[in-house]
Amino acid sequence: MNKKVPVLGGFLTLTDDYNEALLMSECGEAVIYIDDSGDYKPGLTYVAEDEECCSREYIFTAYCRQKGVPFTIAERELTQCIVTDSLWRGGTRLILREISIRDLPDLFTLHESPYMTPFRSFDEEKAELTAYIKQAYGVRGWGIWGVYLRAGNAGQASGMNDGLQDDYYDILGNRIEAHDPANDLFLGVCGLSFIQEMKGADKILRTDDLMLGYGILPQYRGRGIAGAACKMAVSYALDILKAGRVYIISETGNLPSRRLAERLGKPVRKAVNIEDKPYCIYVCE
């Protein structure tokens, strides 16, 4: 069996030839391996028992994940928003979207901020981000996302104007719009991770619980952006992932982060040491 299914101007291959599927996957092609044996097939993420099991949503997801098309997780319209020297009115949208490699220059700038872990070399971070996108988004389906502002006069996010035109899609496979990503202003990051991903936190909380992480570029802080993005991320965790709770772990000295955490949730531990640093812990339910 070898069948090509058109998707988003390209195609995905359905094949029952394991070696062919493996080769296509290694070459960056979108493929679903058809196999009803139930045996584990190393090197292949998308496997179906038969063609009938390949729904439109599964084919769409398999294609986007293997071709690196980022999903929009959530968005909300802002009636008015002052971000730089301009006041953007109706139509401005705050976007929570999967990070892509093209965001690296802005991520480097963000990680120069206080309370953020400094980045290493560009090549090291590119390799790590590539692996993260594949594992967090492609396998798990969620993680840390980018926060963007979209408006007709939003300008260009630094380091991203390469003239490429991309389409973006929400998590259900609905096309959002075709646009130049440079017209989305990168504001920061916000998203979810397991407690076990924070060294030392697993000694205090359950390792399989979720925690909220966020970071906004200094020039955009104090404008309600972090709060709006965090509310979307928490809603996604509770409503879509059906998580029972989401924790926020803030350094004691980071007062803006603590004030935001107090608005989003309730305190659990007001003073706890994690890796010899004092933190406050809050929970959203």
Protein backbone atom coordinates (compact mmCIF):
# COMPACT_ATOMS: atom_id res chain seq x y z
CA MET A 1 0.00 0.00 0.00
CA ASN A 2 1.26 3.45 -0.90
CA LYS A 3 -1.28 6.26 -0.94
CA LYS A 4 -0.65 10.00 -1.05
CA VAL A 5 -3.19 12.22 0.70
CA PRO A 6 -3.18 15.96 -0.12
CA VAL A 7 -2.80 18.21 2.94
CA LEU A 8 -2.26 21.99 3.02
CA GLY A 9 -0.71 22.20 -0.41
CA GLY A 10 1.55 19.20 0.23
CA PHE A 11 0.84 15.55 0.84
CA LEU A 12 1.11 12.81 3.44
CA THR A 13 1.86 9.20 2.53
CA LEU A 14 0.02 6.18 3.92
CA THR A 15 2.19 3.08 3.52
CA ASP A 16 2.39 -0.44 4.93
CA ASP A 17 6.09 -0.72 4.05
CA TYR A 18 8.02 -0.18 7.30
CA ASN A 19 11.39 0.55 5.66
CA GLU A 20 9.82 3.04 3.28
CA ALA A 21 7.97 4.76 6.13
CA LEU A 22 11.16 4.94 8.20
CA LEU A 23 13.17 6.40 5.30
CA MET A 24 10.49 8.99 4.55
CA SER A 25 10.33 10.00 8.21
CA GLU A 26 14.11 10.38 8.39
CA CYS A 27 13.99 12.59 5.28
CA GLY A 28 11.42 14.90 6.85
CA GLU A 29 8.44 13.68 4.86
CA ALA A 30 4.98 13.29 6.37
CA VAL A 31 4.01 9.63 6.66
CA ILE A 32 1.66 7.32 8.54
CA TYR A 33 2.69 3.67 8.76
CA ILE A 34 -0.20 1.23 8.37
CA ASP A 35 0.28 -1.86 10.53
CA ASP A 36 -2.21 -3.98 12.46
CA SER A 37 0.32 -6.22 14.24
CA GLY A 38 0.33 -4.14 17.41
CA ASP A 39 4.12 -4.40 17.59
CA TYR A 40 6.25 -1.39 18.54
CA LYS A 41 7.83 0.24 15.50
CA PRO A 42 10.96 2.21 16.45
CA GLY A 43 11.54 5.50 14.67
CA LEU A 44 7.91 6.10 13.73
CA THR A 45 5.54 8.35 15.66
CA TYR A 46 2.37 7.99 13.57
CA VAL A 47 1.06 4.45 13.14
CA ALA A 48 -2.50 3.29 12.36
CA GLU A 49 -4.06 -0.17 12.14
CA ASP A 50 -5.65 0.55 8.76
CA GLU A 51 -6.64 3.39 6.47
CA GLU A 52 -10.09 3.67 8.06
CA CYS A 53 -8.42 4.63 11.35
CA CYS A 54 -6.82 7.66 9.71
CA SER A 55 -9.38 10.36 10.38
CA ARG A 56 -9.08 13.83 8.86
CA GLU A 57 -7.89 15.18 12.24
CA TYR A 58 -5.25 12.44 12.62
CA ILE A 59 -3.92 12.99 9.10
CA PHE A 60 -3.87 16.75 9.63
CA THR A 61 -2.05 16.45 12.96
CA ALA A 62 0.46 13.93 11.58
CA TYR A 63 1.24 16.20 8.64
CA CYS A 64 1.62 19.38 10.70
CA ARG A 65 3.75 17.75 13.39
CA GLN A 66 6.12 16.15 10.89
CA LYS A 67 6.36 19.28 8.72
CA GLY A 68 6.78 21.70 11.62
CA VAL A 69 3.56 23.70 11.20
CA PRO A 70 2.88 25.43 14.56
CA PHE A 71 -0.58 25.29 16.13
CA THR A 72 -2.36 28.25 17.70
CA ILE A 73 -3.40 27.19 21.20
CA ALA A 74 -5.64 30.12 22.13
CA GLU A 75 -6.31 33.74 21.29
CA ARG A 76 -8.35 36.61 22.61
CA GLU A 77 -9.29 39.98 21.22
CA LEU A 78 -8.11 43.06 23.05
CA THR A 79 -10.44 46.04 22.90
CA GLN A 80 -7.45 48.29 23.32
CA CYS A 81 -3.82 47.66 24.12
CA ILE A 82 -0.92 50.03 24.67
CA VAL A 83 2.29 48.12 23.98
CA THR A 84 4.71 50.63 22.50
CA ASP A 85 4.00 54.26 21.66
CA SER A 86 0.84 53.33 19.76
CA LEU A 87 -2.66 52.55 21.00
CA TRP A 88 -4.07 49.59 19.08
CA ARG A 89 -7.84 49.34 19.20
CA GLY A 90 -10.41 46.73 18.09
CA GLY A 91 -9.01 43.81 16.11
CA THR A 92 -5.79 43.46 18.08
CA ARG A 93 -5.40 39.88 19.26
CA LEU A 94 -3.22 38.23 21.87
CA ILE A 95 -2.03 34.89 20.53
CA LEU A 96 -0.76 31.83 22.38
CA ARG A 97 1.02 29.75 19.74
CA GLU A 98 3.62 27.02 19.53
CA ILE A 99 7.16 28.33 19.30
CA SER A 100 9.12 27.73 16.10
CA ILE A 101 12.81 27.92 15.23
CA ARG A 102 12.29 31.36 13.71
CA ASP A 103 11.56 32.66 17.24
CA LEU A 104 15.11 31.98 18.46
CA PRO A 105 16.42 35.57 18.12
CA ASP A 106 13.56 36.86 20.27
CA LEU A 107 14.00 34.01 22.75
CA PHE A 108 17.66 34.96 23.17
CA THR A 109 16.58 38.51 24.04
CA LEU A 110 13.99 37.26 26.51
CA HIS A 111 16.47 35.02 28.31
CA GLU A 112 18.74 37.99 28.99
CA SER A 113 16.06 39.22 31.41
CA PRO A 114 16.25 38.80 35.21
CA TYR A 115 14.87 35.51 36.57
CA MET A 116 15.40 33.84 33.18
CA THR A 117 18.08 31.21 32.48
CA PRO A 118 20.69 32.65 30.08
CA PHE A 119 21.00 30.91 26.73
CA ARG A 120 24.20 29.32 25.49
CA SER A 121 25.36 29.40 21.86
CA PHE A 122 22.87 29.78 19.02
CA ASP A 123 23.65 26.32 17.62
CA GLU A 124 23.20 24.65 21.01
CA GLU A 125 19.88 26.36 21.65
CA LYS A 126 18.68 25.65 18.11
CA ALA A 127 19.35 21.94 18.57
CA GLU A 128 17.66 21.93 21.97
CA LEU A 129 14.62 23.85 20.70
CA THR A 130 14.30 21.51 17.70
CA ALA A 131 14.26 18.50 20.04
CA TYR A 132 11.80 20.26 22.38
CA ILE A 133 9.36 21.04 19.56
CA LYS A 134 9.44 17.43 18.42
CA GLN A 135 8.97 15.99 21.92
CA ALA A 136 6.70 18.51 23.66
CA TYR A 137 4.44 19.46 20.76
CA GLY A 138 4.79 16.42 18.52
CA VAL A 139 4.52 13.68 21.15
CA ARG A 140 2.99 15.24 24.26
CA GLY A 141 0.90 17.86 22.43
CA TRP A 142 1.57 20.82 24.75
CA GLY A 143 4.38 22.72 26.47
CA ILE A 144 5.75 26.26 26.66
CA TRP A 145 4.22 28.48 23.98
CA GLY A 146 5.01 31.86 22.48
CA VAL A 147 2.94 34.96 23.30
CA TYR A 148 2.34 37.25 20.33
CA LEU A 149 0.39 40.38 19.50
CA ARG A 150 -1.29 40.55 16.13
CA ALA A 151 -2.57 43.81 14.67
CA GLY A 152 -2.53 45.54 11.31
CA ASN A 153 0.15 47.95 12.51
CA ALA A 154 1.92 45.61 14.93
CA GLY A 155 5.23 46.09 13.20
CA GLN A 156 7.92 43.45 12.92
CA ALA A 157 9.33 41.27 15.63
CA SER A 158 13.09 41.56 15.74
CA GLY A 159 15.14 39.10 13.72
CA MET A 160 12.16 37.46 12.05
CA ASN A 161 11.68 39.35 8.80
CA ASP A 162 12.73 36.75 6.25
CA GLY A 163 9.85 37.35 3.85
CA LEU A 164 8.31 33.91 4.31
CA GLN A 165 4.54 33.50 4.15
CA ASP A 166 3.17 30.84 6.50
CA ASP A 167 -0.27 29.52 7.38
CA TYR A 168 -1.16 28.91 11.01
CA TYR A 169 -3.70 26.49 12.47
CA ASP A 170 -5.43 26.01 15.78
CA ILE A 171 -5.21 22.82 17.79
CA LEU A 172 -8.35 21.44 16.10
CA GLY A 173 -6.97 21.92 12.61
CA ASN A 174 -8.83 25.10 11.70
CA ARG A 175 -6.85 27.48 9.51
CA ILE A 176 -6.32 30.81 11.26
CA GLU A 177 -4.95 33.00 8.47
CA ALA A 178 -2.11 33.36 6.01
CA HIS A 179 0.32 36.05 7.09
CA ASP A 180 3.96 36.94 7.50
CA PRO A 181 4.99 35.85 11.01
CA ALA A 182 7.14 39.00 11.18
CA ASN A 183 3.88 40.92 11.58
CA ASP A 184 3.21 39.12 14.87
CA LEU A 185 4.98 40.98 17.65
CA PHE A 186 6.78 38.54 19.97
CA LEU A 187 6.03 39.48 23.59
CA GLY A 188 7.33 36.50 25.55
CA VAL A 189 6.48 32.92 26.50
CA CYS A 190 3.84 31.22 28.59
CA GLY A 191 2.89 27.60 29.00
CA LEU A 192 2.90 24.36 30.94
CA SER A 193 5.40 21.77 32.12
CA PHE A 194 5.52 18.89 34.58
CA ILE A 195 6.66 19.58 38.13
CA GLN A 196 9.47 17.07 37.60
CA GLU A 197 10.99 19.39 34.98
CA MET A 198 11.94 21.87 37.73
CA LYS A 199 14.89 20.53 39.66
CA GLY A 200 14.06 20.16 43.33
CA ALA A 201 10.33 20.83 43.01
CA ASP A 202 9.63 17.10 42.81
CA LYS A 203 10.59 16.83 46.48
CA ILE A 204 7.66 19.05 47.44
CA LEU A 205 4.90 18.41 44.88
CA ARG A 206 3.70 15.45 42.82
CA THR A 207 5.92 15.00 39.78
CA ASP A 208 3.01 14.48 37.39
CA ASP A 209 1.25 17.71 38.37
CA LEU A 210 1.48 20.68 36.00
CA MET A 211 3.08 24.03 36.64
CA LEU A 212 2.66 27.32 34.82
CA GLY A 213 5.68 29.16 33.47
CA TYR A 214 5.82 32.58 31.85
CA GLY A 215 8.21 35.34 30.89
CA ILE A 216 7.49 38.64 29.14
CA LEU A 217 10.07 40.92 27.55
CA PRO A 218 10.86 43.82 29.93
CA GLN A 219 9.51 46.53 27.59
CA TYR A 220 6.06 44.89 27.54
CA ARG A 221 5.65 44.23 31.25
CA GLY A 222 3.09 45.97 33.44
CA ARG A 223 0.48 46.04 30.66
CA GLY A 224 -1.64 43.02 31.58
CA ILE A 225 -0.10 40.80 28.91
CA ALA A 226 1.27 38.15 31.28
CA GLY A 227 -2.07 37.92 33.10
CA ALA A 228 -4.06 37.48 29.89
CA ALA A 229 -1.64 34.86 28.52
CA CYS A 230 -1.55 32.95 31.82
CA LYS A 231 -5.35 32.82 31.99
CA MET A 232 -5.45 31.24 28.52
CA ALA A 233 -2.78 28.70 29.49
CA VAL A 234 -4.50 27.77 32.76
CA SER A 235 -7.86 27.42 30.99
CA TYR A 236 -6.23 25.11 28.44
CA ALA A 237 -4.77 22.96 31.24
CA LEU A 238 -8.03 22.70 33.18
CA ASP A 239 -10.54 22.55 30.32
CA ILE A 240 -8.66 20.78 27.50
CA LEU A 241 -6.07 18.66 29.31
CA LYS A 242 -8.47 18.07 32.22
CA ALA A 243 -5.72 18.69 34.76
CA GLY A 244 -6.98 18.82 38.34
CA ARG A 245 -4.71 21.70 39.25
CA VAL A 246 -1.91 23.91 37.96
CA TYR A 247 0.85 25.19 40.23
CA ILE A 248 2.71 28.48 39.99
CA ILE A 249 6.16 28.53 41.60
CA SER A 250 7.53 32.07 41.98
CA GLU A 251 10.81 33.24 43.45
CA THR A 252 10.14 35.10 46.70
CA GLY A 253 11.99 38.18 45.46
CA ASN A 254 10.06 38.37 42.18
CA LEU A 255 7.22 40.56 43.45
CA PRO A 256 5.48 41.15 40.06
CA SER A 257 5.34 37.39 39.48
CA ARG A 258 3.97 36.81 42.97
CA ARG A 259 1.27 39.46 42.52
CA LEU A 260 0.20 37.81 39.27
CA ALA A 261 0.19 34.37 40.92
CA GLU A 262 -2.02 35.73 43.72
CA ARG A 263 -4.54 36.96 41.15
CA LEU A 264 -4.57 33.64 39.32
CA GLY A 265 -4.61 31.19 42.23
CA LYS A 266 -4.35 30.74 45.95
CA PRO A 267 -1.19 30.29 48.06
CA VAL A 268 -0.10 26.81 49.06
CA ARG A 269 3.35 27.44 50.52
CA LYS A 270 4.49 30.99 51.26
CA ALA A 271 8.12 30.12 51.89
CA VAL A 272 9.92 27.02 50.68
CA ASN A 273 13.49 26.39 49.58
CA ILE A 274 14.08 24.74 46.22
CA GLU A 275 17.72 24.20 45.32
CA ASP A 276 18.68 26.73 48.05
CA LYS A 277 16.43 29.47 46.64
CA PRO A 278 13.27 30.76 48.39
CA TYR A 279 10.00 30.29 46.50
CA CYS A 280 6.28 30.79 47.00
CA ILE A 281 3.84 28.21 45.65
CA TYR A 282 0.31 28.89 44.40
CA VAL A 283 -2.34 26.64 42.89
CA CYS A 284 -5.04 27.24 40.25
CA GLU A 285 -8.01 24.86 40.31
